[in-house]
Amino acid sequence: MTKSDVADYINSSGNKYGSSCKAAIFLKEFVYGLSDEGTVGRDITDTEKGKDYGIIEGNIIDKDADELNKIRYAHIDMACIMNASEDSYYNVKGATGRPARSIIEFARKLSRVR
């Protein structure tokens, strides 16, 4: 997916269907500090600097990203749910705004936790 004769990186699956996993892997190429070695569910430490960065699950970090010189990001793949091909329930045909409503509700709930 990321090999090309004419570009550094490509984001193409070779067919008309995308994939949220493929998109996340593509974006990972541009985020400093993420490992290619399958970190989900493992404890990871920076042995070179002798620091335990408190990575507790995958790439979820319990310290400030600025402190670690890493970028926190989330890939939200919404292409498959942003449009309705026909009227249904509370959605009318066309752009639904459904992903935006979900993200706003998530942010509201997250703000109450902190």
PDB file of N, CA and C in Angstrom:
ATOM      1  N   MET A   1       0.812  -1.193   0.000  1.00  0.00           N
ATOM      2  CA  MET A   1       0.000   0.000   0.000  1.00  0.00           C
ATOM      3  C   MET A   1       0.856   1.256   0.000  1.00  0.00           C
ATOM      4  N   THR A   2       2.022   1.231   0.612  1.00  0.00           N
ATOM      5  CA  THR A   2       2.804   2.454   0.700  1.00  0.00           C
ATOM      6  C   THR A   2       4.005   2.463  -0.239  1.00  0.00           C
ATOM      7  N   LYS A   3       4.101   1.523  -1.120  1.00  0.00           N
ATOM      8  CA  LYS A   3       5.207   1.484  -2.079  1.00  0.00           C
ATOM      9  C   LYS A   3       4.745   2.059  -3.413  1.00  0.00           C
ATOM     10  N   SER A   4       5.635   2.834  -4.038  1.00  0.00           N
ATOM     11  CA  SER A   4       5.307   3.434  -5.325  1.00  0.00           C
ATOM     12  C   SER A   4       6.594   3.729  -6.076  1.00  0.00           C
ATOM     13  N   ASP A   5       6.541   3.660  -7.402  1.00  0.00           N
ATOM     14  CA  ASP A   5       7.701   4.010  -8.223  1.00  0.00           C
ATOM     15  C   ASP A   5       7.849   5.514  -8.392  1.00  0.00           C
ATOM     16  N   VAL A   6       6.765   6.258  -8.186  1.00  0.00           N
ATOM     17  CA  VAL A   6       6.797   7.694  -8.464  1.00  0.00           C
ATOM     18  C   VAL A   6       6.512   8.572  -7.242  1.00  0.00           C
ATOM     19  N   ALA A   7       6.161   7.984  -6.118  1.00  0.00           N
ATOM     20  CA  ALA A   7       5.837   8.779  -4.928  1.00  0.00           C
ATOM     21  C   ALA A   7       6.438   8.123  -3.692  1.00  0.00           C
ATOM     22  N   ASP A   8       6.630   8.929  -2.652  1.00  0.00           N
ATOM     23  CA  ASP A   8       7.140   8.375  -1.400  1.00  0.00           C
ATOM     24  C   ASP A   8       6.120   7.440  -0.758  1.00  0.00           C
ATOM     25  N   TYR A   9       4.856   7.869  -0.756  1.00  0.00           N
ATOM     26  CA  TYR A   9       3.779   7.074  -0.167  1.00  0.00           C
ATOM     27  C   TYR A   9       2.533   7.198  -1.026  1.00  0.00           C
ATOM     28  N   ILE A  10       1.761   6.139  -1.093  1.00  0.00           N
ATOM     29  CA  ILE A  10       0.467   6.199  -1.766  1.00  0.00           C
ATOM     30  C   ILE A  10      -0.590   5.663  -0.810  1.00  0.00           C
ATOM     31  N   ASN A  11      -1.795   6.139  -0.977  1.00  0.00           N
ATOM     32  CA  ASN A  11      -2.902   5.645  -0.155  1.00  0.00           C
ATOM     33  C   ASN A  11      -3.947   5.090  -1.105  1.00  0.00           C
ATOM     34  N   SER A  12      -3.694   3.895  -1.584  1.00  0.00           N
ATOM     35  CA  SER A  12      -4.591   3.279  -2.546  1.00  0.00           C
ATOM     36  C   SER A  12      -4.626   1.785  -2.297  1.00  0.00           C
ATOM     37  N   SER A  13      -5.821   1.248  -2.305  1.00  0.00           N
ATOM     38  CA  SER A  13      -5.948  -0.185  -2.059  1.00  0.00           C
ATOM     39  C   SER A  13      -6.041  -0.979  -3.356  1.00  0.00           C
ATOM     40  N   GLY A  14      -6.055  -0.287  -4.482  1.00  0.00           N
ATOM     41  CA  GLY A  14      -6.133  -0.988  -5.748  1.00  0.00           C
ATOM     42  C   GLY A  14      -7.549  -1.256  -6.212  1.00  0.00           C
ATOM     43  N   ASN A  15      -8.541  -0.918  -5.401  1.00  0.00           N
ATOM     44  CA  ASN A  15      -9.928  -1.035  -5.825  1.00  0.00           C
ATOM     45  C   ASN A  15     -10.690   0.188  -5.329  1.00  0.00           C
ATOM     46  N   LYS A  16     -11.969   0.266  -5.627  1.00  0.00           N
ATOM     47  CA  LYS A  16     -12.734   1.464  -5.272  1.00  0.00           C
ATOM     48  C   LYS A  16     -13.119   1.516  -3.799  1.00  0.00           C
ATOM     49  N   TYR A  17     -12.892   0.433  -3.077  1.00  0.00           N
ATOM     50  CA  TYR A  17     -13.260   0.393  -1.670  1.00  0.00           C
ATOM     51  C   TYR A  17     -12.060   0.745  -0.801  1.00  0.00           C
ATOM     52  N   GLY A  18     -12.245   1.666   0.084  1.00  0.00           N
ATOM     53  CA  GLY A  18     -11.195   2.026   1.026  1.00  0.00           C
ATOM     54  C   GLY A  18     -11.245   1.105   2.225  1.00  0.00           C
ATOM     55  N   SER A  19     -10.421   1.362   3.151  1.00  0.00           N
ATOM     56  CA  SER A  19     -10.405   0.566   4.369  1.00  0.00           C
ATOM     57  C   SER A  19      -9.913   1.449   5.501  1.00  0.00           C
ATOM     58  N   SER A  20     -10.637   1.465   6.602  1.00  0.00           N
ATOM     59  CA  SER A  20     -10.212   2.293   7.733  1.00  0.00           C
ATOM     60  C   SER A  20      -8.860   1.829   8.266  1.00  0.00           C
ATOM     61  N   CYS A  21      -8.611   0.533   8.239  1.00  0.00           N
ATOM     62  CA  CYS A  21      -7.315   0.032   8.700  1.00  0.00           C
ATOM     63  C   CYS A  21      -6.193   0.498   7.784  1.00  0.00           C
ATOM     64  N   LYS A  22      -6.422   0.440   6.471  1.00  0.00           N
ATOM     65  CA  LYS A  22      -5.409   0.898   5.522  1.00  0.00           C
ATOM     66  C   LYS A  22      -5.160   2.388   5.668  1.00  0.00           C
ATOM     67  N   ALA A  23      -6.206   3.159   5.885  1.00  0.00           N
ATOM     68  CA  ALA A  23      -6.049   4.605   6.055  1.00  0.00           C
ATOM     69  C   ALA A  23      -5.260   4.912   7.323  1.00  0.00           C
ATOM     70  N   ALA A  24      -5.529   4.194   8.391  1.00  0.00           N
ATOM     71  CA  ALA A  24      -4.799   4.412   9.644  1.00  0.00           C
ATOM     72  C   ALA A  24      -3.323   4.075   9.476  1.00  0.00           C
ATOM     73  N   ILE A  25      -3.024   2.996   8.762  1.00  0.00           N
ATOM     74  CA  ILE A  25      -1.631   2.624   8.514  1.00  0.00           C
ATOM     75  C   ILE A  25      -0.948   3.690   7.670  1.00  0.00           C
ATOM     76  N   PHE A  26      -1.643   4.211   6.672  1.00  0.00           N
ATOM     77  CA  PHE A  26      -1.090   5.273   5.835  1.00  0.00           C
ATOM     78  C   PHE A  26      -0.770   6.502   6.681  1.00  0.00           C
ATOM     79  N   LEU A  27      -1.698   6.935   7.522  1.00  0.00           N
ATOM     80  CA  LEU A  27      -1.481   8.122   8.354  1.00  0.00           C
ATOM     81  C   LEU A  27      -0.364   7.903   9.366  1.00  0.00           C
ATOM     82  N   LYS A  28      -0.205   6.676   9.822  1.00  0.00           N
ATOM     83  CA  LYS A  28       0.838   6.346  10.789  1.00  0.00           C
ATOM     84  C   LYS A  28       2.225   6.683  10.257  1.00  0.00           C
ATOM     85  N   GLU A  29       2.406   6.641   8.943  1.00  0.00           N
ATOM     86  CA  GLU A  29       3.694   6.965   8.334  1.00  0.00           C
ATOM     87  C   GLU A  29       4.125   8.394   8.643  1.00  0.00           C
ATOM     88  N   PHE A  30       3.179   9.249   8.993  1.00  0.00           N
ATOM     89  CA  PHE A  30       3.470  10.661   9.193  1.00  0.00           C
ATOM     90  C   PHE A  30       3.450  11.072  10.659  1.00  0.00           C
ATOM     91  N   VAL A  31       3.303  10.127  11.567  1.00  0.00           N
ATOM     92  CA  VAL A  31       3.227  10.439  12.993  1.00  0.00           C
ATOM     93  C   VAL A  31       4.480   9.905  13.670  1.00  0.00           C
ATOM     94  N   TYR A  32       5.279  10.808  14.213  1.00  0.00           N
ATOM     95  CA  TYR A  32       6.527  10.443  14.869  1.00  0.00           C
ATOM     96  C   TYR A  32       6.268   9.591  16.111  1.00  0.00           C
ATOM     97  N   GLY A  33       7.034   8.551  16.270  1.00  0.00           N
ATOM     98  CA  GLY A  33       7.013   7.801  17.515  1.00  0.00           C
ATOM     99  C   GLY A  33       6.142   6.568  17.548  1.00  0.00           C
ATOM    100  N   LEU A  34       5.446   6.250  16.475  1.00  0.00           N
ATOM    101  CA  LEU A  34       4.635   5.037  16.483  1.00  0.00           C
ATOM    102  C   LEU A  34       5.465   3.879  15.960  1.00  0.00           C
ATOM    103  N   SER A  35       5.326   2.752  16.591  1.00  0.00           N
ATOM    104  CA  SER A  35       6.129   1.589  16.263  1.00  0.00           C
ATOM    105  C   SER A  35       5.457   0.740  15.195  1.00  0.00           C
ATOM    106  N   ASP A  36       6.251   0.086  14.379  1.00  0.00           N
ATOM    107  CA  ASP A  36       5.736  -0.849  13.379  1.00  0.00           C
ATOM    108  C   ASP A  36       5.645  -2.268  13.933  1.00  0.00           C
ATOM    109  N   GLU A  37       6.021  -2.459  15.162  1.00  0.00           N
ATOM    110  CA  GLU A  37       6.210  -3.811  15.665  1.00  0.00           C
ATOM    111  C   GLU A  37       5.027  -4.373  16.433  1.00  0.00           C
ATOM    112  N   GLY A  38       3.837  -3.862  16.211  1.00  0.00           N
ATOM    113  CA  GLY A  38       2.660  -4.422  16.863  1.00  0.00           C
ATOM    114  C   GLY A  38       2.668  -4.209  18.357  1.00  0.00           C
ATOM    115  N   THR A  39       2.225  -3.039  18.794  1.00  0.00           N
ATOM    116  CA  THR A  39       2.345  -2.684  20.198  1.00  0.00           C
ATOM    117  C   THR A  39       1.070  -2.896  20.995  1.00  0.00           C
ATOM    118  N   VAL A  40       0.013  -3.317  20.371  1.00  0.00           N
ATOM    119  CA  VAL A  40      -1.258  -3.420  21.082  1.00  0.00           C
ATOM    120  C   VAL A  40      -1.155  -4.430  22.219  1.00  0.00           C
ATOM    121  N   GLY A  41      -1.535  -3.976  23.414  1.00  0.00           N
ATOM    122  CA  GLY A  41      -1.565  -4.856  24.568  1.00  0.00           C
ATOM    123  C   GLY A  41      -0.224  -5.119  25.224  1.00  0.00           C
ATOM    124  N   ARG A  42       0.838  -4.471  24.754  1.00  0.00           N
ATOM    125  CA  ARG A  42       2.158  -4.678  25.337  1.00  0.00           C
ATOM    126  C   ARG A  42       2.606  -3.435  26.083  1.00  0.00           C
ATOM    127  N   ASP A  43       3.433  -3.631  27.082  1.00  0.00           N
ATOM    128  CA  ASP A  43       4.060  -2.521  27.778  1.00  0.00           C
ATOM    129  C   ASP A  43       5.297  -2.131  26.983  1.00  0.00           C
ATOM    130  N   ILE A  44       5.482  -0.844  26.740  1.00  0.00           N
ATOM    131  CA  ILE A  44       6.606  -0.399  25.924  1.00  0.00           C
ATOM    132  C   ILE A  44       7.407   0.608  26.727  1.00  0.00           C
ATOM    133  N   THR A  45       8.721   0.445  26.756  1.00  0.00           N
ATOM    134  CA  THR A  45       9.570   1.418  27.432  1.00  0.00           C
ATOM    135  C   THR A  45      10.647   1.881  26.480  1.00  0.00           C
ATOM    136  N   ASP A  46      11.163   3.057  26.728  1.00  0.00           N
ATOM    137  CA  ASP A  46      12.263   3.577  25.928  1.00  0.00           C
ATOM    138  C   ASP A  46      13.549   3.183  26.639  1.00  0.00           C
ATOM    139  N   THR A  47      14.102   2.042  26.273  1.00  0.00           N
ATOM    140  CA  THR A  47      15.283   1.544  26.965  1.00  0.00           C
ATOM    141  C   THR A  47      16.514   2.359  26.620  1.00  0.00           C
ATOM    142  N   GLU A  48      16.540   2.960  25.441  1.00  0.00           N
ATOM    143  CA  GLU A  48      17.700   3.745  25.034  1.00  0.00           C
ATOM    144  C   GLU A  48      17.919   4.935  25.975  1.00  0.00           C
ATOM    145  N   LYS A  49      16.841   5.596  26.371  1.00  0.00           N
ATOM    146  CA  LYS A  49      16.948   6.746  27.267  1.00  0.00           C
ATOM    147  C   LYS A  49      16.742   6.346  28.725  1.00  0.00           C
ATOM    148  N   GLY A  50      16.397   5.085  28.948  1.00  0.00           N
ATOM    149  CA  GLY A  50      16.179   4.626  30.304  1.00  0.00           C
ATOM    150  C   GLY A  50      14.913   5.167  30.938  1.00  0.00           C
ATOM    151  N   LYS A  51      13.942   5.546  30.116  1.00  0.00           N
ATOM    152  CA  LYS A  51      12.700   6.104  30.649  1.00  0.00           C
ATOM    153  C   LYS A  51      11.544   5.164  30.358  1.00  0.00           C
ATOM    154  N   ASP A  52      10.658   5.059  31.304  1.00  0.00           N
ATOM    155  CA  ASP A  52       9.408   4.343  31.092  1.00  0.00           C
ATOM    156  C   ASP A  52       8.366   5.394  30.769  1.00  0.00           C
ATOM    157  N   TYR A  53       7.868   5.389  29.550  1.00  0.00           N
ATOM    158  CA  TYR A  53       6.938   6.424  29.127  1.00  0.00           C
ATOM    159  C   TYR A  53       5.497   6.107  29.498  1.00  0.00           C
ATOM    160  N   GLY A  54       5.254   5.043  30.209  1.00  0.00           N
ATOM    161  CA  GLY A  54       3.913   4.764  30.691  1.00  0.00           C
ATOM    162  C   GLY A  54       2.941   4.395  29.590  1.00  0.00           C
ATOM    163  N   ILE A  55       3.432   3.781  28.542  1.00  0.00           N
ATOM    164  CA  ILE A  55       2.534   3.350  27.481  1.00  0.00           C
ATOM    165  C   ILE A  55       1.869   2.079  27.977  1.00  0.00           C
ATOM    166  N   ILE A  56       0.564   2.150  28.160  1.00  0.00           N
ATOM    167  CA  ILE A  56      -0.099   1.042  28.835  1.00  0.00           C
ATOM    168  C   ILE A  56      -0.861   0.121  27.906  1.00  0.00           C
ATOM    169  N   GLU A  57      -1.260   0.604  26.760  1.00  0.00           N
ATOM    170  CA  GLU A  57      -2.015  -0.251  25.848  1.00  0.00           C
ATOM    171  C   GLU A  57      -1.839   0.289  24.445  1.00  0.00           C
ATOM    172  N   GLY A  58      -1.179  -0.461  23.601  1.00  0.00           N
ATOM    173  CA  GLY A  58      -0.944   0.018  22.249  1.00  0.00           C
ATOM    174  C   GLY A  58      -0.165   1.307  22.282  1.00  0.00           C
ATOM    175  N   ASN A  59      -0.687   2.319  21.638  1.00  0.00           N
ATOM    176  CA  ASN A  59      -0.027   3.612  21.603  1.00  0.00           C
ATOM    177  C   ASN A  59      -0.755   4.643  22.448  1.00  0.00           C
ATOM    178  N   ILE A  60      -1.492   4.208  23.464  1.00  0.00           N
ATOM    179  CA  ILE A  60      -2.164   5.129  24.366  1.00  0.00           C
ATOM    180  C   ILE A  60      -1.164   5.519  25.446  1.00  0.00           C
ATOM    181  N   ILE A  61      -0.904   6.784  25.564  1.00  0.00           N
ATOM    182  CA  ILE A  61       0.145   7.266  26.445  1.00  0.00           C
ATOM    183  C   ILE A  61      -0.477   8.022  27.605  1.00  0.00           C
ATOM    184  N   ASP A  62       0.012   7.777  28.827  1.00  0.00           N
ATOM    185  CA  ASP A  62      -0.569   8.449  29.978  1.00  0.00           C
ATOM    186  C   ASP A  62       0.215   9.686  30.407  1.00  0.00           C
ATOM    187  N   LYS A  63       1.139  10.141  29.586  1.00  0.00           N
ATOM    188  CA  LYS A  63       1.846  11.396  29.831  1.00  0.00           C
ATOM    189  C   LYS A  63       1.558  12.332  28.668  1.00  0.00           C
ATOM    190  N   ASP A  64       1.909  13.602  28.837  1.00  0.00           N
ATOM    191  CA  ASP A  64       1.676  14.573  27.774  1.00  0.00           C
ATOM    192  C   ASP A  64       2.469  14.222  26.529  1.00  0.00           C
ATOM    193  N   ALA A  65       1.827  14.324  25.379  1.00  0.00           N
ATOM    194  CA  ALA A  65       2.498  14.061  24.113  1.00  0.00           C
ATOM    195  C   ALA A  65       3.640  15.045  23.904  1.00  0.00           C
ATOM    196  N   ASP A  66       3.473  16.297  24.352  1.00  0.00           N
ATOM    197  CA  ASP A  66       4.542  17.288  24.202  1.00  0.00           C
ATOM    198  C   ASP A  66       5.798  16.855  24.949  1.00  0.00           C
ATOM    199  N   GLU A  67       5.608  16.299  26.132  1.00  0.00           N
ATOM    200  CA  GLU A  67       6.738  15.855  26.942  1.00  0.00           C
ATOM    201  C   GLU A  67       7.522  14.765  26.223  1.00  0.00           C
ATOM    202  N   LEU A  68       6.839  13.963  25.464  1.00  0.00           N
ATOM    203  CA  LEU A  68       7.471  12.840  24.776  1.00  0.00           C
ATOM    204  C   LEU A  68       7.862  13.168  23.348  1.00  0.00           C
ATOM    205  N   ASN A  69       7.563  14.374  22.893  1.00  0.00           N
ATOM    206  CA  ASN A  69       7.789  14.767  21.502  1.00  0.00           C
ATOM    207  C   ASN A  69       7.069  13.835  20.537  1.00  0.00           C
ATOM    208  N   LYS A  70       5.884  13.432  20.913  1.00  0.00           N
ATOM    209  CA  LYS A  70       5.062  12.585  20.058  1.00  0.00           C
ATOM    210  C   LYS A  70       3.749  13.288  19.786  1.00  0.00           C
ATOM    211  N   ILE A  71       3.116  12.904  18.727  1.00  0.00           N
ATOM    212  CA  ILE A  71       1.846  13.507  18.336  1.00  0.00           C
ATOM    213  C   ILE A  71       0.736  12.516  18.638  1.00  0.00           C
ATOM    214  N   ARG A  72      -0.249  12.959  19.393  1.00  0.00           N
ATOM    215  CA  ARG A  72      -1.437  12.128  19.590  1.00  0.00           C
ATOM    216  C   ARG A  72      -2.384  12.405  18.437  1.00  0.00           C
ATOM    217  N   TYR A  73      -2.951  11.362  17.881  1.00  0.00           N
ATOM    218  CA  TYR A  73      -3.902  11.564  16.800  1.00  0.00           C
ATOM    219  C   TYR A  73      -4.930  10.451  16.820  1.00  0.00           C
ATOM    220  N   ALA A  74      -6.021  10.731  16.204  1.00  0.00           N
ATOM    221  CA  ALA A  74      -7.064   9.724  16.042  1.00  0.00           C
ATOM    222  C   ALA A  74      -7.477   9.731  14.582  1.00  0.00           C
ATOM    223  N   HIS A  75      -7.589   8.576  14.008  1.00  0.00           N
ATOM    224  CA  HIS A  75      -8.087   8.463  12.645  1.00  0.00           C
ATOM    225  C   HIS A  75      -9.557   8.091  12.728  1.00  0.00           C
ATOM    226  N   ILE A  76     -10.395   8.951  12.205  1.00  0.00           N
ATOM    227  CA  ILE A  76     -11.837   8.709  12.228  1.00  0.00           C
ATOM    228  C   ILE A  76     -12.285   8.520  10.786  1.00  0.00           C
ATOM    229  N   ASP A  77     -12.577   7.295  10.434  1.00  0.00           N
ATOM    230  CA  ASP A  77     -13.000   6.995   9.069  1.00  0.00           C
ATOM    231  C   ASP A  77     -14.513   7.062   9.015  1.00  0.00           C
ATOM    232  N   MET A  78     -15.025   8.066   8.315  1.00  0.00           N
ATOM    233  CA  MET A  78     -16.469   8.271   8.304  1.00  0.00           C
ATOM    234  C   MET A  78     -17.074   8.222   6.907  1.00  0.00           C
ATOM    235  N   ALA A  79     -16.282   7.894   5.917  1.00  0.00           N
ATOM    236  CA  ALA A  79     -16.780   7.914   4.548  1.00  0.00           C
ATOM    237  C   ALA A  79     -17.978   6.984   4.353  1.00  0.00           C
ATOM    238  N   CYS A  80     -17.967   5.855   5.009  1.00  0.00           N
ATOM    239  CA  CYS A  80     -19.040   4.877   4.791  1.00  0.00           C
ATOM    240  C   CYS A  80     -20.357   5.280   5.451  1.00  0.00           C
ATOM    241  N   ILE A  81     -20.347   6.266   6.342  1.00  0.00           N
ATOM    242  CA  ILE A  81     -21.590   6.638   7.024  1.00  0.00           C
ATOM    243  C   ILE A  81     -21.978   8.099   6.837  1.00  0.00           C
ATOM    244  N   MET A  82     -21.230   8.845   6.018  1.00  0.00           N
ATOM    245  CA  MET A  82     -21.523  10.279   5.917  1.00  0.00           C
ATOM    246  C   MET A  82     -22.647  10.600   4.937  1.00  0.00           C
ATOM    247  N   ASN A  83     -22.997   9.667   4.083  1.00  0.00           N
ATOM    248  CA  ASN A  83     -24.061   9.887   3.101  1.00  0.00           C
ATOM    249  C   ASN A  83     -25.121   8.798   3.195  1.00  0.00           C
ATOM    250  N   ALA A  84     -26.363   9.194   2.943  1.00  0.00           N
ATOM    251  CA  ALA A  84     -27.459   8.228   2.853  1.00  0.00           C
ATOM    252  C   ALA A  84     -27.877   8.146   1.388  1.00  0.00           C
ATOM    253  N   SER A  85     -27.964   6.946   0.858  1.00  0.00           N
ATOM    254  CA  SER A  85     -28.329   6.778  -0.550  1.00  0.00           C
ATOM    255  C   SER A  85     -29.830   6.962  -0.776  1.00  0.00           C
ATOM    256  N   GLU A  86     -30.600   6.895   0.322  1.00  0.00           N
ATOM    257  CA  GLU A  86     -32.048   7.114   0.234  1.00  0.00           C
ATOM    258  C   GLU A  86     -32.566   7.587   1.595  1.00  0.00           C
ATOM    259  N   ASP A  87     -33.764   8.117   1.618  1.00  0.00           N
ATOM    260  CA  ASP A  87     -34.371   8.539   2.879  1.00  0.00           C
ATOM    261  C   ASP A  87     -34.569   7.325   3.785  1.00  0.00           C
ATOM    262  N   SER A  88     -34.221   7.475   5.051  1.00  0.00           N
ATOM    263  CA  SER A  88     -34.447   6.399   6.014  1.00  0.00           C
ATOM    264  C   SER A  88     -34.448   6.976   7.424  1.00  0.00           C
ATOM    265  N   TYR A  89     -35.404   6.554   8.220  1.00  0.00           N
ATOM    266  CA  TYR A  89     -35.529   6.995   9.610  1.00  0.00           C
ATOM    267  C   TYR A  89     -35.379   8.504   9.704  1.00  0.00           C
ATOM    268  N   TYR A  90     -34.382   8.989  10.419  1.00  0.00           N
ATOM    269  CA  TYR A  90     -34.223  10.432  10.581  1.00  0.00           C
ATOM    270  C   TYR A  90     -33.252  11.041   9.574  1.00  0.00           C
ATOM    271  N   ASN A  91     -32.676  10.238   8.691  1.00  0.00           N
ATOM    272  CA  ASN A  91     -31.773  10.756   7.664  1.00  0.00           C
ATOM    273  C   ASN A  91     -32.510  10.933   6.345  1.00  0.00           C
ATOM    274  N   VAL A  92     -32.227  12.041   5.683  1.00  0.00           N
ATOM    275  CA  VAL A  92     -32.733  12.222   4.328  1.00  0.00           C
ATOM    276  C   VAL A  92     -31.604  11.891   3.367  1.00  0.00           C
ATOM    277  N   LYS A  93     -31.954  11.614   2.128  1.00  0.00           N
ATOM    278  CA  LYS A  93     -30.956  11.262   1.127  1.00  0.00           C
ATOM    279  C   LYS A  93     -29.920  12.382   1.026  1.00  0.00           C
ATOM    280  N   GLY A  94     -28.651  11.988   0.978  1.00  0.00           N
ATOM    281  CA  GLY A  94     -27.559  12.952   0.863  1.00  0.00           C
ATOM    282  C   GLY A  94     -26.690  12.962   2.106  1.00  0.00           C
ATOM    283  N   ALA A  95     -25.999  14.074   2.310  1.00  0.00           N
ATOM    284  CA  ALA A  95     -25.106  14.199   3.466  1.00  0.00           C
ATOM    285  C   ALA A  95     -25.925  14.172   4.755  1.00  0.00           C
ATOM    286  N   THR A  96     -25.500  13.356   5.706  1.00  0.00           N
ATOM    287  CA  THR A  96     -26.285  13.148   6.926  1.00  0.00           C
ATOM    288  C   THR A  96     -25.780  13.932   8.130  1.00  0.00           C
ATOM    289  N   GLY A  97     -24.516  14.253   8.168  1.00  0.00           N
ATOM    290  CA  GLY A  97     -23.957  14.880   9.360  1.00  0.00           C
ATOM    291  C   GLY A  97     -23.782  13.897  10.500  1.00  0.00           C
ATOM    292  N   ARG A  98     -24.081  12.631  10.248  1.00  0.00           N
ATOM    293  CA  ARG A  98     -24.029  11.613  11.300  1.00  0.00           C
ATOM    294  C   ARG A  98     -22.657  11.531  11.976  1.00  0.00           C
ATOM    295  N   PRO A  99     -21.560  11.527  11.243  1.00  0.00           N
ATOM    296  CA  PRO A  99     -20.267  11.471  11.932  1.00  0.00           C
ATOM    297  C   PRO A  99     -20.034  12.685  12.824  1.00  0.00           C
ATOM    298  N   ALA A 100     -20.429  13.859  12.367  1.00  0.00           N
ATOM    299  CA  ALA A 100     -20.223  15.075  13.167  1.00  0.00           C
ATOM    300  C   ALA A 100     -20.999  14.992  14.475  1.00  0.00           C
ATOM    301  N   ARG A 101     -22.219  14.518  14.416  1.00  0.00           N
ATOM    302  CA  ARG A 101     -23.019  14.389  15.645  1.00  0.00           C
ATOM    303  C   ARG A 101     -22.367  13.403  16.612  1.00  0.00           C
ATOM    304  N   SER A 102     -21.838  12.318  16.095  1.00  0.00           N
ATOM    305  CA  SER A 102     -21.185  11.324  16.955  1.00  0.00           C
ATOM    306  C   SER A 102     -19.937  11.897  17.618  1.00  0.00           C
ATOM    307  N   ILE A 103     -19.139  12.625  16.861  1.00  0.00           N
ATOM    308  CA  ILE A 103     -17.910  13.210  17.406  1.00  0.00           C
ATOM    309  C   ILE A 103     -18.235  14.255  18.468  1.00  0.00           C
ATOM    310  N   ILE A 104     -19.239  15.082  18.216  1.00  0.00           N
ATOM    311  CA  ILE A 104     -19.644  16.094  19.199  1.00  0.00           C
ATOM    312  C   ILE A 104     -20.109  15.426  20.491  1.00  0.00           C
ATOM    313  N   GLU A 105     -20.912  14.383  20.378  1.00  0.00           N
ATOM    314  CA  GLU A 105     -21.400  13.685  21.574  1.00  0.00           C
ATOM    315  C   GLU A 105     -20.250  13.027  22.331  1.00  0.00           C
ATOM    316  N   PHE A 106     -19.312  12.441  21.613  1.00  0.00           N
ATOM    317  CA  PHE A 106     -18.135  11.842  22.251  1.00  0.00           C
ATOM    318  C   PHE A 106     -17.346  12.905  23.017  1.00  0.00           C
ATOM    319  N   ALA A 107     -17.109  14.053  22.391  1.00  0.00           N
ATOM    320  CA  ALA A 107     -16.366  15.137  23.044  1.00  0.00           C
ATOM    321  C   ALA A 107     -17.102  15.638  24.286  1.00  0.00           C
ATOM    322  N   ARG A 108     -18.423  15.748  24.196  1.00  0.00           N
ATOM    323  CA  ARG A 108     -19.209  16.187  25.360  1.00  0.00           C
ATOM    324  C   ARG A 108     -19.057  15.214  26.523  1.00  0.00           C
ATOM    325  N   LYS A 109     -19.152  13.917  26.230  1.00  0.00           N
ATOM    326  CA  LYS A 109     -19.024  12.915  27.295  1.00  0.00           C
ATOM    327  C   LYS A 109     -17.605  12.891  27.864  1.00  0.00           C
ATOM    328  N   LEU A 110     -16.615  13.028  27.006  1.00  0.00           N
ATOM    329  CA  LEU A 110     -15.227  13.041  27.452  1.00  0.00           C
ATOM    330  C   LEU A 110     -14.954  14.248  28.344  1.00  0.00           C
ATOM    331  N   SER A 111     -15.543  15.386  28.030  1.00  0.00           N
ATOM    332  CA  SER A 111     -15.309  16.592  28.828  1.00  0.00           C
ATOM    333  C   SER A 111     -15.894  16.453  30.235  1.00  0.00           C
ATOM    334  N   ARG A 112     -16.922  15.655  30.403  1.00  0.00           N
ATOM    335  CA  ARG A 112     -17.512  15.437  31.731  1.00  0.00           C
ATOM    336  C   ARG A 112     -16.643  14.530  32.593  1.00  0.00           C
ATOM    337  N   VAL A 113     -15.858  13.672  31.952  1.00  0.00           N
ATOM    338  CA  VAL A 113     -15.028  12.715  32.678  1.00  0.00           C
ATOM    339  C   VAL A 113     -13.851  13.420  33.335  1.00  0.00           C
ATOM    340  N   ARG A 114     -13.298  14.391  32.674  1.00  0.00           N
ATOM    341  CA  ARG A 114     -12.085  15.064  33.171  1.00  0.00           C
ATOM    342  C   ARG A 114     -12.421  16.065  34.160  1.00  0.00           C
TER     343      ARG A 114
END
